[in-house]
Amino acid sequence: LKTRGITQLTMVGLALDFCVHFSAVDAARLGFQVTVDRTQCRAIDM
């Protein structure tokens, strides 16, 4: 992403409370602007 000059990320997919969640938090920690579109996610909710 950084080599490509990409700074803004939108995330969708499965599962919102595990893989989407950890991906989004890591991306924010790495300095990306991150949006999660919950309408295009589903959760396990364990």
PDB file of all heavy atoms in Angstrom:
ATOM      1  N   LEU A   1       0.824  -1.207   0.000  1.00  0.00           N
ATOM      2  CA  LEU A   1       0.000   0.000   0.000  1.00  0.00           C
ATOM      3  C   LEU A   1       0.857   1.255   0.000  1.00  0.00           C
ATOM      4  O   LEU A   1       0.587   2.210  -0.740  1.00  0.00           O
ATOM      5  CB  LEU A   1      -0.924  -0.007   1.215  1.00  0.00           C
ATOM      6  CG  LEU A   1      -2.010  -1.094   1.226  1.00  0.00           C
ATOM      7  CD1 LEU A   1      -2.686  -1.143   2.593  1.00  0.00           C
ATOM      8  CD2 LEU A   1      -3.037  -0.863   0.134  1.00  0.00           C
ATOM      9  N   LYS A   2       1.887   1.271   0.818  1.00  0.00           N
ATOM     10  CA  LYS A   2       2.723   2.475   0.919  1.00  0.00           C
ATOM     11  C   LYS A   2       3.520   2.703  -0.353  1.00  0.00           C
ATOM     12  O   LYS A   2       3.687   3.844  -0.788  1.00  0.00           O
ATOM     13  CB  LYS A   2       3.598   2.392   2.166  1.00  0.00           C
ATOM     14  CG  LYS A   2       2.752   2.542   3.431  1.00  0.00           C
ATOM     15  CD  LYS A   2       3.546   2.652   4.709  1.00  0.00           C
ATOM     16  CE  LYS A   2       2.593   2.982   5.875  1.00  0.00           C
ATOM     17  NZ  LYS A   2       3.277   2.967   7.187  1.00  0.00           N
ATOM     18  N   THR A   3       3.982   1.636  -0.973  1.00  0.00           N
ATOM     19  CA  THR A   3       4.693   1.775  -2.245  1.00  0.00           C
ATOM     20  C   THR A   3       3.781   2.340  -3.327  1.00  0.00           C
ATOM     21  O   THR A   3       4.217   3.128  -4.181  1.00  0.00           O
ATOM     22  CB  THR A   3       5.254   0.408  -2.690  1.00  0.00           C
ATOM     23  OG1 THR A   3       6.144  -0.080  -1.695  1.00  0.00           O
ATOM     24  CG2 THR A   3       6.000   0.511  -4.003  1.00  0.00           C
ATOM     25  N   ARG A   4       2.516   1.973  -3.262  1.00  0.00           N
ATOM     26  CA  ARG A   4       1.532   2.469  -4.229  1.00  0.00           C
ATOM     27  C   ARG A   4       1.021   3.873  -3.884  1.00  0.00           C
ATOM     28  O   ARG A   4       0.239   4.445  -4.639  1.00  0.00           O
ATOM     29  CB  ARG A   4       0.329   1.519  -4.286  1.00  0.00           C
ATOM     30  CG  ARG A   4       0.623   0.113  -4.814  1.00  0.00           C
ATOM     31  CD  ARG A   4       0.645   0.037  -6.335  1.00  0.00           C
ATOM     32  NE  ARG A   4      -0.558   0.599  -6.930  1.00  0.00           N
ATOM     33  CZ  ARG A   4      -1.667  -0.080  -7.196  1.00  0.00           C
ATOM     34  NH1 ARG A   4      -1.739  -1.379  -6.908  1.00  0.00           N
ATOM     35  NH2 ARG A   4      -2.703   0.502  -7.749  1.00  0.00           N
ATOM     36  N   GLY A   5       1.402   4.411  -2.726  1.00  0.00           N
ATOM     37  CA  GLY A   5       0.938   5.736  -2.335  1.00  0.00           C
ATOM     38  C   GLY A   5      -0.496   5.758  -1.831  1.00  0.00           C
ATOM     39  O   GLY A   5      -1.148   6.807  -1.824  1.00  0.00           O
ATOM     40  N   ILE A   6      -0.997   4.605  -1.385  1.00  0.00           N
ATOM     41  CA  ILE A   6      -2.375   4.511  -0.908  1.00  0.00           C
ATOM     42  C   ILE A   6      -2.433   4.879   0.564  1.00  0.00           C
ATOM     43  O   ILE A   6      -1.671   4.355   1.377  1.00  0.00           O
ATOM     44  CB  ILE A   6      -2.925   3.084  -1.137  1.00  0.00           C
ATOM     45  CG1 ILE A   6      -3.020   2.815  -2.649  1.00  0.00           C
ATOM     46  CG2 ILE A   6      -4.270   2.885  -0.457  1.00  0.00           C
ATOM     47  CD1 ILE A   6      -3.212   1.372  -3.021  1.00  0.00           C
ATOM     48  N   THR A   7      -3.324   5.796   0.910  1.00  0.00           N
ATOM     49  CA  THR A   7      -3.419   6.287   2.292  1.00  0.00           C
ATOM     50  C   THR A   7      -4.786   6.061   2.922  1.00  0.00           C
ATOM     51  O   THR A   7      -4.916   6.104   4.145  1.00  0.00           O
ATOM     52  CB  THR A   7      -3.121   7.801   2.340  1.00  0.00           C
ATOM     53  OG1 THR A   7      -4.032   8.491   1.461  1.00  0.00           O
ATOM     54  CG2 THR A   7      -1.691   8.090   1.901  1.00  0.00           C
ATOM     55  N   GLN A   8      -5.812   5.841   2.099  1.00  0.00           N
ATOM     56  CA  GLN A   8      -7.185   5.687   2.599  1.00  0.00           C
ATOM     57  C   GLN A   8      -7.697   4.288   2.283  1.00  0.00           C
ATOM     58  O   GLN A   8      -7.640   3.853   1.127  1.00  0.00           O
ATOM     59  CB  GLN A   8      -8.105   6.726   1.956  1.00  0.00           C
ATOM     60  CG  GLN A   8      -7.687   8.165   2.225  1.00  0.00           C
ATOM     61  CD  GLN A   8      -8.505   9.144   1.413  1.00  0.00           C
ATOM     62  OE1 GLN A   8      -9.591   8.827   0.943  1.00  0.00           O
ATOM     63  NE2 GLN A   8      -7.976  10.339   1.223  1.00  0.00           N
ATOM     64  N   LEU A   9      -8.202   3.612   3.311  1.00  0.00           N
ATOM     65  CA  LEU A   9      -8.679   2.243   3.157  1.00  0.00           C
ATOM     66  C   LEU A   9     -10.127   2.139   3.605  1.00  0.00           C
ATOM     67  O   LEU A   9     -10.507   2.691   4.638  1.00  0.00           O
ATOM     68  CB  LEU A   9      -7.849   1.277   4.007  1.00  0.00           C
ATOM     69  CG  LEU A   9      -6.328   1.322   3.848  1.00  0.00           C
ATOM     70  CD1 LEU A   9      -5.678   0.338   4.806  1.00  0.00           C
ATOM     71  CD2 LEU A   9      -5.924   1.035   2.404  1.00  0.00           C
ATOM     72  N   THR A  10     -10.926   1.425   2.834  1.00  0.00           N
ATOM     73  CA  THR A  10     -12.269   1.033   3.258  1.00  0.00           C
ATOM     74  C   THR A  10     -12.287  -0.485   3.332  1.00  0.00           C
ATOM     75  O   THR A  10     -11.840  -1.156   2.397  1.00  0.00           O
ATOM     76  CB  THR A  10     -13.337   1.533   2.275  1.00  0.00           C
ATOM     77  OG1 THR A  10     -13.318   2.969   2.269  1.00  0.00           O
ATOM     78  CG2 THR A  10     -14.728   1.059   2.678  1.00  0.00           C
ATOM     79  N   MET A  11     -12.794  -0.999   4.447  1.00  0.00           N
ATOM     80  CA  MET A  11     -12.799  -2.444   4.656  1.00  0.00           C
ATOM     81  C   MET A  11     -14.215  -2.985   4.734  1.00  0.00           C
ATOM     82  O   MET A  11     -15.092  -2.374   5.343  1.00  0.00           O
ATOM     83  CB  MET A  11     -12.036  -2.800   5.933  1.00  0.00           C
ATOM     84  CG  MET A  11     -10.569  -2.449   5.859  1.00  0.00           C
ATOM     85  SD  MET A  11      -9.639  -3.098   7.249  1.00  0.00           S
ATOM     86  CE  MET A  11      -8.007  -2.489   6.824  1.00  0.00           C
ATOM     87  N   VAL A  12     -14.387  -4.164   4.129  1.00  0.00           N
ATOM     88  CA  VAL A  12     -15.656  -4.889   4.150  1.00  0.00           C
ATOM     89  C   VAL A  12     -15.312  -6.368   4.284  1.00  0.00           C
ATOM     90  O   VAL A  12     -14.165  -6.778   4.081  1.00  0.00           O
ATOM     91  CB  VAL A  12     -16.462  -4.656   2.858  1.00  0.00           C
ATOM     92  CG1 VAL A  12     -16.886  -3.202   2.720  1.00  0.00           C
ATOM     93  CG2 VAL A  12     -15.662  -5.085   1.617  1.00  0.00           C
ATOM     94  N   GLY A  13     -16.308  -7.201   4.638  1.00  0.00           N
ATOM     95  CA  GLY A  13     -16.070  -8.637   4.605  1.00  0.00           C
ATOM     96  C   GLY A  13     -16.423  -9.356   5.889  1.00  0.00           C
ATOM     97  O   GLY A  13     -17.291  -8.925   6.652  1.00  0.00           O
ATOM     98  N   LEU A  14     -15.697 -10.465   6.126  1.00  0.00           N
ATOM     99  CA  LEU A  14     -16.030 -11.411   7.178  1.00  0.00           C
ATOM    100  C   LEU A  14     -14.783 -11.731   8.022  1.00  0.00           C
ATOM    101  O   LEU A  14     -13.701 -11.845   7.477  1.00  0.00           O
ATOM    102  CB  LEU A  14     -16.562 -12.707   6.566  1.00  0.00           C
ATOM    103  CG  LEU A  14     -17.719 -12.540   5.566  1.00  0.00           C
ATOM    104  CD1 LEU A  14     -18.017 -13.863   4.870  1.00  0.00           C
ATOM    105  CD2 LEU A  14     -18.954 -11.995   6.241  1.00  0.00           C
ATOM    106  N   ALA A  15     -14.941 -11.885   9.273  1.00  0.00           N
ATOM    107  CA  ALA A  15     -16.095 -11.475  10.065  1.00  0.00           C
ATOM    108  C   ALA A  15     -15.770 -10.136  10.718  1.00  0.00           C
ATOM    109  O   ALA A  15     -14.624  -9.867  11.073  1.00  0.00           O
ATOM    110  CB  ALA A  15     -16.408 -12.522  11.138  1.00  0.00           C
ATOM    111  N   LEU A  16     -16.784  -9.306  10.862  1.00  0.00           N
ATOM    112  CA  LEU A  16     -16.587  -7.949  11.359  1.00  0.00           C
ATOM    113  C   LEU A  16     -15.855  -7.922  12.692  1.00  0.00           C
ATOM    114  O   LEU A  16     -15.002  -7.059  12.931  1.00  0.00           O
ATOM    115  CB  LEU A  16     -17.948  -7.246  11.493  1.00  0.00           C
ATOM    116  CG  LEU A  16     -17.957  -5.838  12.080  1.00  0.00           C
ATOM    117  CD1 LEU A  16     -17.057  -4.895  11.300  1.00  0.00           C
ATOM    118  CD2 LEU A  16     -19.389  -5.300  12.121  1.00  0.00           C
ATOM    119  N   ASP A  17     -16.165  -8.868  13.595  1.00  0.00           N
ATOM    120  CA  ASP A  17     -15.605  -8.816  14.948  1.00  0.00           C
ATOM    121  C   ASP A  17     -14.275  -9.546  15.084  1.00  0.00           C
ATOM    122  O   ASP A  17     -13.670  -9.534  16.156  1.00  0.00           O
ATOM    123  CB  ASP A  17     -16.605  -9.356  15.972  1.00  0.00           C
ATOM    124  CG  ASP A  17     -17.315 -10.625  15.526  1.00  0.00           C
ATOM    125  OD1 ASP A  17     -17.288 -10.951  14.332  1.00  0.00           O
ATOM    126  OD2 ASP A  17     -17.921 -11.292  16.383  1.00  0.00           O
ATOM    127  N   PHE A  18     -13.775 -10.147  14.004  1.00  0.00           N
ATOM    128  CA  PHE A  18     -12.465 -10.791  14.064  1.00  0.00           C
ATOM    129  C   PHE A  18     -11.539 -10.253  12.974  1.00  0.00           C
ATOM    130  O   PHE A  18     -10.799  -9.311  13.206  1.00  0.00           O
ATOM    131  CB  PHE A  18     -12.605 -12.328  14.030  1.00  0.00           C
ATOM    132  CG  PHE A  18     -13.052 -12.879  15.357  1.00  0.00           C
ATOM    133  CD1 PHE A  18     -14.394 -13.071  15.627  1.00  0.00           C
ATOM    134  CD2 PHE A  18     -12.124 -13.157  16.359  1.00  0.00           C
ATOM    135  CE1 PHE A  18     -14.816 -13.549  16.864  1.00  0.00           C
ATOM    136  CE2 PHE A  18     -12.529 -13.632  17.606  1.00  0.00           C
ATOM    137  CZ  PHE A  18     -13.881 -13.830  17.860  1.00  0.00           C
ATOM    138  N   CYS A  19     -11.583 -10.804  11.782  1.00  0.00           N
ATOM    139  CA  CYS A  19     -10.591 -10.425  10.782  1.00  0.00           C
ATOM    140  C   CYS A  19     -10.733  -8.981  10.297  1.00  0.00           C
ATOM    141  O   CYS A  19      -9.732  -8.301  10.079  1.00  0.00           O
ATOM    142  CB  CYS A  19     -10.615 -11.413   9.630  1.00  0.00           C
ATOM    143  SG  CYS A  19     -10.086 -13.073  10.159  1.00  0.00           S
ATOM    144  N   VAL A  20     -11.967  -8.494  10.138  1.00  0.00           N
ATOM    145  CA  VAL A  20     -12.138  -7.087   9.750  1.00  0.00           C
ATOM    146  C   VAL A  20     -11.653  -6.181  10.882  1.00  0.00           C
ATOM    147  O   VAL A  20     -10.901  -5.220  10.651  1.00  0.00           O
ATOM    148  CB  VAL A  20     -13.607  -6.791   9.381  1.00  0.00           C
ATOM    149  CG1 VAL A  20     -13.791  -5.299   9.091  1.00  0.00           C
ATOM    150  CG2 VAL A  20     -14.045  -7.624   8.180  1.00  0.00           C
ATOM    151  N   HIS A  21     -12.056  -6.477  12.097  1.00  0.00           N
ATOM    152  CA  HIS A  21     -11.667  -5.698  13.278  1.00  0.00           C
ATOM    153  C   HIS A  21     -10.145  -5.605  13.400  1.00  0.00           C
ATOM    154  O   HIS A  21      -9.571  -4.502  13.505  1.00  0.00           O
ATOM    155  CB  HIS A  21     -12.294  -6.359  14.521  1.00  0.00           C
ATOM    156  CG  HIS A  21     -11.618  -6.100  15.817  1.00  0.00           C
ATOM    157  ND1 HIS A  21     -11.542  -7.046  16.805  1.00  0.00           N
ATOM    158  CD2 HIS A  21     -10.981  -5.019  16.307  1.00  0.00           C
ATOM    159  CE1 HIS A  21     -10.897  -6.562  17.850  1.00  0.00           C
ATOM    160  NE2 HIS A  21     -10.537  -5.335  17.568  1.00  0.00           N
ATOM    161  N   PHE A  22      -9.446  -6.739  13.394  1.00  0.00           N
ATOM    162  CA  PHE A  22      -7.991  -6.725  13.580  1.00  0.00           C
ATOM    163  C   PHE A  22      -7.299  -6.032  12.417  1.00  0.00           C
ATOM    164  O   PHE A  22      -6.306  -5.315  12.611  1.00  0.00           O
ATOM    165  CB  PHE A  22      -7.468  -8.157  13.764  1.00  0.00           C
ATOM    166  CG  PHE A  22      -7.680  -8.695  15.159  1.00  0.00           C
ATOM    167  CD1 PHE A  22      -8.886  -9.275  15.523  1.00  0.00           C
ATOM    168  CD2 PHE A  22      -6.683  -8.604  16.114  1.00  0.00           C
ATOM    169  CE1 PHE A  22      -9.090  -9.764  16.806  1.00  0.00           C
ATOM    170  CE2 PHE A  22      -6.875  -9.092  17.407  1.00  0.00           C
ATOM    171  CZ  PHE A  22      -8.078  -9.670  17.753  1.00  0.00           C
ATOM    172  N   SER A  23      -7.802  -6.217  11.206  1.00  0.00           N
ATOM    173  CA  SER A  23      -7.221  -5.538  10.044  1.00  0.00           C
ATOM    174  C   SER A  23      -7.375  -4.032  10.157  1.00  0.00           C
ATOM    175  O   SER A  23      -6.433  -3.272   9.873  1.00  0.00           O
ATOM    176  CB  SER A  23      -7.896  -6.033   8.757  1.00  0.00           C
ATOM    177  OG  SER A  23      -7.698  -7.413   8.566  1.00  0.00           O
ATOM    178  N   ALA A  24      -8.554  -3.582  10.572  1.00  0.00           N
ATOM    179  CA  ALA A  24      -8.820  -2.144  10.669  1.00  0.00           C
ATOM    180  C   ALA A  24      -7.962  -1.490  11.748  1.00  0.00           C
ATOM    181  O   ALA A  24      -7.385  -0.405  11.537  1.00  0.00           O
ATOM    182  CB  ALA A  24     -10.296  -1.905  10.953  1.00  0.00           C
ATOM    183  N   VAL A  25      -7.852  -2.132  12.904  1.00  0.00           N
ATOM    184  CA  VAL A  25      -7.042  -1.578  13.999  1.00  0.00           C
ATOM    185  C   VAL A  25      -5.570  -1.512  13.599  1.00  0.00           C
ATOM    186  O   VAL A  25      -4.890  -0.508  13.830  1.00  0.00           O
ATOM    187  CB  VAL A  25      -7.252  -2.390  15.289  1.00  0.00           C
ATOM    188  CG1 VAL A  25      -6.232  -2.018  16.355  1.00  0.00           C
ATOM    189  CG2 VAL A  25      -8.672  -2.182  15.825  1.00  0.00           C
ATOM    190  N   ASP A  26      -5.064  -2.568  12.979  1.00  0.00           N
ATOM    191  CA  ASP A  26      -3.671  -2.552  12.536  1.00  0.00           C
ATOM    192  C   ASP A  26      -3.438  -1.474  11.490  1.00  0.00           C
ATOM    193  O   ASP A  26      -2.429  -0.762  11.529  1.00  0.00           O
ATOM    194  CB  ASP A  26      -3.272  -3.916  11.966  1.00  0.00           C
ATOM    195  CG  ASP A  26      -2.940  -4.936  13.049  1.00  0.00           C
ATOM    196  OD1 ASP A  26      -2.799  -4.553  14.222  1.00  0.00           O
ATOM    197  OD2 ASP A  26      -2.823  -6.134  12.705  1.00  0.00           O
ATOM    198  N   ALA A  27      -4.359  -1.335  10.550  1.00  0.00           N
ATOM    199  CA  ALA A  27      -4.198  -0.317   9.510  1.00  0.00           C
ATOM    200  C   ALA A  27      -4.155   1.085  10.109  1.00  0.00           C
ATOM    201  O   ALA A  27      -3.324   1.914   9.721  1.00  0.00           O
ATOM    202  CB  ALA A  27      -5.328  -0.424   8.494  1.00  0.00           C
ATOM    203  N   ALA A  28      -5.045   1.359  11.066  1.00  0.00           N
ATOM    204  CA  ALA A  28      -5.047   2.671  11.722  1.00  0.00           C
ATOM    205  C   ALA A  28      -3.741   2.901  12.470  1.00  0.00           C
ATOM    206  O   ALA A  28      -3.162   4.003  12.432  1.00  0.00           O
ATOM    207  CB  ALA A  28      -6.244   2.781  12.658  1.00  0.00           C
ATOM    208  N   ARG A  29      -3.271   1.868  13.150  1.00  0.00           N
ATOM    209  CA  ARG A  29      -2.007   1.974  13.910  1.00  0.00           C
ATOM    210  C   ARG A  29      -0.831   2.252  12.979  1.00  0.00           C
ATOM    211  O   ARG A  29       0.130   2.930  13.354  1.00  0.00           O
ATOM    212  CB  ARG A  29      -1.795   0.667  14.684  1.00  0.00           C
ATOM    213  CG  ARG A  29      -0.560   0.624  15.544  1.00  0.00           C
ATOM    214  CD  ARG A  29      -0.569  -0.583  16.486  1.00  0.00           C
ATOM    215  NE  ARG A  29      -0.745  -1.856  15.799  1.00  0.00           N
ATOM    216  CZ  ARG A  29       0.236  -2.543  15.213  1.00  0.00           C
ATOM    217  NH1 ARG A  29       1.471  -2.059  15.215  1.00  0.00           N
ATOM    218  NH2 ARG A  29      -0.009  -3.709  14.631  1.00  0.00           N
ATOM    219  N   LEU A  30      -0.915   1.761  11.742  1.00  0.00           N
ATOM    220  CA  LEU A  30       0.150   1.974  10.758  1.00  0.00           C
ATOM    221  C   LEU A  30       0.035   3.319  10.048  1.00  0.00           C
ATOM    222  O   LEU A  30       0.864   3.640   9.201  1.00  0.00           O
ATOM    223  CB  LEU A  30       0.128   0.843   9.731  1.00  0.00           C
ATOM    224  CG  LEU A  30       0.503  -0.546  10.276  1.00  0.00           C
ATOM    225  CD1 LEU A  30       0.179  -1.624   9.250  1.00  0.00           C
ATOM    226  CD2 LEU A  30       1.971  -0.596  10.671  1.00  0.00           C
ATOM    227  N   GLY A  31      -1.001   4.098  10.366  1.00  0.00           N
ATOM    228  CA  GLY A  31      -1.111   5.444   9.834  1.00  0.00           C
ATOM    229  C   GLY A  31      -2.071   5.628   8.668  1.00  0.00           C
ATOM    230  O   GLY A  31      -2.154   6.727   8.103  1.00  0.00           O
ATOM    231  N   PHE A  32      -2.808   4.588   8.307  1.00  0.00           N
ATOM    232  CA  PHE A  32      -3.795   4.727   7.238  1.00  0.00           C
ATOM    233  C   PHE A  32      -5.080   5.343   7.790  1.00  0.00           C
ATOM    234  O   PHE A  32      -5.404   5.186   8.966  1.00  0.00           O
ATOM    235  CB  PHE A  32      -4.113   3.355   6.631  1.00  0.00           C
ATOM    236  CG  PHE A  32      -2.942   2.718   5.929  1.00  0.00           C
ATOM    237  CD1 PHE A  32      -2.151   1.773   6.581  1.00  0.00           C
ATOM    238  CD2 PHE A  32      -2.625   3.057   4.629  1.00  0.00           C
ATOM    239  CE1 PHE A  32      -1.069   1.179   5.949  1.00  0.00           C
ATOM    240  CE2 PHE A  32      -1.540   2.475   3.982  1.00  0.00           C
ATOM    241  CZ  PHE A  32      -0.759   1.531   4.654  1.00  0.00           C
ATOM    242  N   GLN A  33      -5.818   6.035   6.918  1.00  0.00           N
ATOM    243  CA  GLN A  33      -7.175   6.488   7.251  1.00  0.00           C
ATOM    244  C   GLN A  33      -8.121   5.344   6.918  1.00  0.00           C
ATOM    245  O   GLN A  33      -8.184   4.925   5.761  1.00  0.00           O
ATOM    246  CB  GLN A  33      -7.546   7.734   6.440  1.00  0.00           C
ATOM    247  CG  GLN A  33      -6.700   8.951   6.742  1.00  0.00           C
ATOM    248  CD  GLN A  33      -7.068  10.121   5.846  1.00  0.00           C
ATOM    249  OE1 GLN A  33      -8.151  10.170   5.272  1.00  0.00           O
ATOM    250  NE2 GLN A  33      -6.160  11.077   5.715  1.00  0.00           N
ATOM    251  N   VAL A  34      -8.833   4.845   7.931  1.00  0.00           N
ATOM    252  CA  VAL A  34      -9.573   3.597   7.766  1.00  0.00           C
ATOM    253  C   VAL A  34     -11.060   3.802   8.025  1.00  0.00           C
ATOM    254  O   VAL A  34     -11.459   4.376   9.038  1.00  0.00           O
ATOM    255  CB  VAL A  34      -9.048   2.510   8.732  1.00  0.00           C
ATOM    256  CG1 VAL A  34      -9.730   1.172   8.440  1.00  0.00           C
ATOM    257  CG2 VAL A  34      -7.536   2.372   8.629  1.00  0.00           C
ATOM    258  N   THR A  35     -11.867   3.297   7.100  1.00  0.00           N
ATOM    259  CA  THR A  35     -13.317   3.254   7.251  1.00  0.00           C
ATOM    260  C   THR A  35     -13.759   1.800   7.142  1.00  0.00           C
ATOM    261  O   THR A  35     -13.285   1.074   6.260  1.00  0.00           O
ATOM    262  CB  THR A  35     -14.007   4.080   6.151  1.00  0.00           C
ATOM    263  OG1 THR A  35     -13.584   5.445   6.252  1.00  0.00           O
ATOM    264  CG2 THR A  35     -15.529   4.018   6.280  1.00  0.00           C
ATOM    265  N   VAL A  36     -14.644   1.378   8.031  1.00  0.00           N
ATOM    266  CA  VAL A  36     -15.262   0.055   7.926  1.00  0.00           C
ATOM    267  C   VAL A  36     -16.736   0.268   7.596  1.00  0.00           C
ATOM    268  O   VAL A  36     -17.453   0.948   8.335  1.00  0.00           O
ATOM    269  CB  VAL A  36     -15.107  -0.752   9.230  1.00  0.00           C
ATOM    270  CG1 VAL A  36     -15.949  -2.021   9.183  1.00  0.00           C
ATOM    271  CG2 VAL A  36     -13.637  -1.099   9.459  1.00  0.00           C
ATOM    272  N   ASP A  37     -17.159  -0.295   6.465  1.00  0.00           N
ATOM    273  CA  ASP A  37     -18.556  -0.201   6.044  1.00  0.00           C
ATOM    274  C   ASP A  37     -19.299  -1.426   6.587  1.00  0.00           C
ATOM    275  O   ASP A  37     -19.242  -2.515   6.015  1.00  0.00           O
ATOM    276  CB  ASP A  37     -18.643  -0.144   4.521  1.00  0.00           C
ATOM    277  CG  ASP A  37     -20.067   0.085   4.030  1.00  0.00           C
ATOM    278  OD1 ASP A  37     -21.018  -0.153   4.803  1.00  0.00           O
ATOM    279  OD2 ASP A  37     -20.239   0.491   2.867  1.00  0.00           O
ATOM    280  N   ARG A  38     -19.980  -1.220   7.708  1.00  0.00           N
ATOM    281  CA  ARG A  38     -20.623  -2.349   8.387  1.00  0.00           C
ATOM    282  C   ARG A  38     -21.798  -2.925   7.593  1.00  0.00           C
ATOM    283  O   ARG A  38     -22.194  -4.062   7.840  1.00  0.00           O
ATOM    284  CB  ARG A  38     -21.088  -1.916   9.782  1.00  0.00           C
ATOM    285  CG  ARG A  38     -19.925  -1.661  10.737  1.00  0.00           C
ATOM    286  CD  ARG A  38     -20.395  -1.150  12.071  1.00  0.00           C
ATOM    287  NE  ARG A  38     -20.949   0.194  11.933  1.00  0.00           N
ATOM    288  CZ  ARG A  38     -21.474   0.894  12.940  1.00  0.00           C
ATOM    289  NH1 ARG A  38     -21.535   0.369  14.150  1.00  0.00           N
ATOM    290  NH2 ARG A  38     -21.941   2.109  12.738  1.00  0.00           N
ATOM    291  N   THR A  39     -22.327  -2.166   6.624  1.00  0.00           N
ATOM    292  CA  THR A  39     -23.428  -2.723   5.830  1.00  0.00           C
ATOM    293  C   THR A  39     -22.945  -3.872   4.947  1.00  0.00           C
ATOM    294  O   THR A  39     -23.740  -4.707   4.533  1.00  0.00           O
ATOM    295  CB  THR A  39     -24.094  -1.654   4.936  1.00  0.00           C
ATOM    296  OG1 THR A  39     -23.169  -1.239   3.910  1.00  0.00           O
ATOM    297  CG2 THR A  39     -24.535  -0.447   5.748  1.00  0.00           C
ATOM    298  N   GLN A  40     -21.647  -3.904   4.675  1.00  0.00           N
ATOM    299  CA  GLN A  40     -21.067  -4.956   3.830  1.00  0.00           C
ATOM    300  C   GLN A  40     -20.141  -5.860   4.644  1.00  0.00           C
ATOM    301  O   GLN A  40     -19.130  -6.365   4.138  1.00  0.00           O
ATOM    302  CB  GLN A  40     -20.334  -4.333   2.642  1.00  0.00           C
ATOM    303  CG  GLN A  40     -21.195  -3.438   1.781  1.00  0.00           C
ATOM    304  CD  GLN A  40     -22.472  -4.114   1.290  1.00  0.00           C
ATOM    305  OE1 GLN A  40     -22.482  -5.296   0.966  1.00  0.00           O
ATOM    306  NE2 GLN A  40     -23.568  -3.373   1.241  1.00  0.00           N
ATOM    307  N   CYS A  41     -20.486  -6.045   5.906  1.00  0.00           N
ATOM    308  CA  CYS A  41     -19.798  -6.972   6.801  1.00  0.00           C
ATOM    309  C   CYS A  41     -20.849  -7.802   7.527  1.00  0.00           C
ATOM    310  O   CYS A  41     -22.006  -7.398   7.643  1.00  0.00           O
ATOM    311  CB  CYS A  41     -18.981  -6.232   7.865  1.00  0.00           C
ATOM    312  SG  CYS A  41     -17.623  -5.204   7.265  1.00  0.00           S
ATOM    313  N   ARG A  42     -20.449  -8.937   8.047  1.00  0.00           N
ATOM    314  CA  ARG A  42     -21.262  -9.727   8.961  1.00  0.00           C
ATOM    315  C   ARG A  42     -20.351 -10.191  10.085  1.00  0.00           C
ATOM    316  O   ARG A  42     -19.139 -10.339   9.894  1.00  0.00           O
ATOM    317  CB  ARG A  42     -21.915 -10.926   8.266  1.00  0.00           C
ATOM    318  CG  ARG A  42     -22.920 -10.559   7.178  1.00  0.00           C
ATOM    319  CD  ARG A  42     -24.158  -9.853   7.727  1.00  0.00           C
ATOM    320  NE  ARG A  42     -25.138  -9.566   6.675  1.00  0.00           N
ATOM    321  CZ  ARG A  42     -25.183  -8.444   5.964  1.00  0.00           C
ATOM    322  NH1 ARG A  42     -24.262  -7.491   6.164  1.00  0.00           N
ATOM    323  NH2 ARG A  42     -26.112  -8.259   5.039  1.00  0.00           N
ATOM    324  N   ALA A  43     -20.937 -10.452  11.270  1.00  0.00           N
ATOM    325  CA  ALA A  43     -20.148 -10.774  12.463  1.00  0.00           C
ATOM    326  C   ALA A  43     -20.502 -12.145  13.016  1.00  0.00           C
ATOM    327  O   ALA A  43     -21.611 -12.644  12.835  1.00  0.00           O
ATOM    328  CB  ALA A  43     -20.388  -9.714  13.540  1.00  0.00           C
ATOM    329  N   ILE A  44     -19.557 -12.738  13.724  1.00  0.00           N
ATOM    330  CA  ILE A  44     -19.807 -13.972  14.468  1.00  0.00           C
ATOM    331  C   ILE A  44     -20.548 -13.636  15.760  1.00  0.00           C
ATOM    332  O   ILE A  44     -21.482 -14.312  16.157  1.00  0.00           O
ATOM    333  CB  ILE A  44     -18.480 -14.700  14.775  1.00  0.00           C
ATOM    334  CG1 ILE A  44     -17.804 -15.143  13.470  1.00  0.00           C
ATOM    335  CG2 ILE A  44     -18.717 -15.896  15.698  1.00  0.00           C
ATOM    336  CD1 ILE A  44     -16.409 -15.706  13.656  1.00  0.00           C
ATOM    337  N   ASP A  45     -20.129 -12.550  16.421  1.00  0.00           N
ATOM    338  CA  ASP A  45     -20.699 -12.058  17.691  1.00  0.00           C
ATOM    339  C   ASP A  45     -20.724 -13.157  18.751  1.00  0.00           C
ATOM    340  O   ASP A  45     -21.766 -13.549  19.257  1.00  0.00           O
ATOM    341  CB  ASP A  45     -22.084 -11.450  17.494  1.00  0.00           C
ATOM    342  CG  ASP A  45     -22.442 -10.499  18.653  1.00  0.00           C
ATOM    343  OD1 ASP A  45     -21.528 -10.129  19.417  1.00  0.00           O
ATOM    344  OD2 ASP A  45     -23.620 -10.136  18.779  1.00  0.00           O
ATOM    345  N   MET A  46     -19.533 -13.607  19.107  1.00  0.00           N
ATOM    346  CA  MET A  46     -19.338 -14.655  20.098  1.00  0.00           C
ATOM    347  C   MET A  46     -19.114 -14.010  21.462  1.00  0.00           C
ATOM    348  O   MET A  46     -18.126 -13.300  21.660  1.00  0.00           O
ATOM    349  CB  MET A  46     -18.108 -15.478  19.688  1.00  0.00           C
ATOM    350  CG  MET A  46     -17.806 -16.662  20.538  1.00  0.00           C
ATOM    351  SD  MET A  46     -16.373 -17.555  19.873  1.00  0.00           S
ATOM    352  CE  MET A  46     -15.034 -16.506  20.409  1.00  0.00           C
TER     353      MET A  46
END
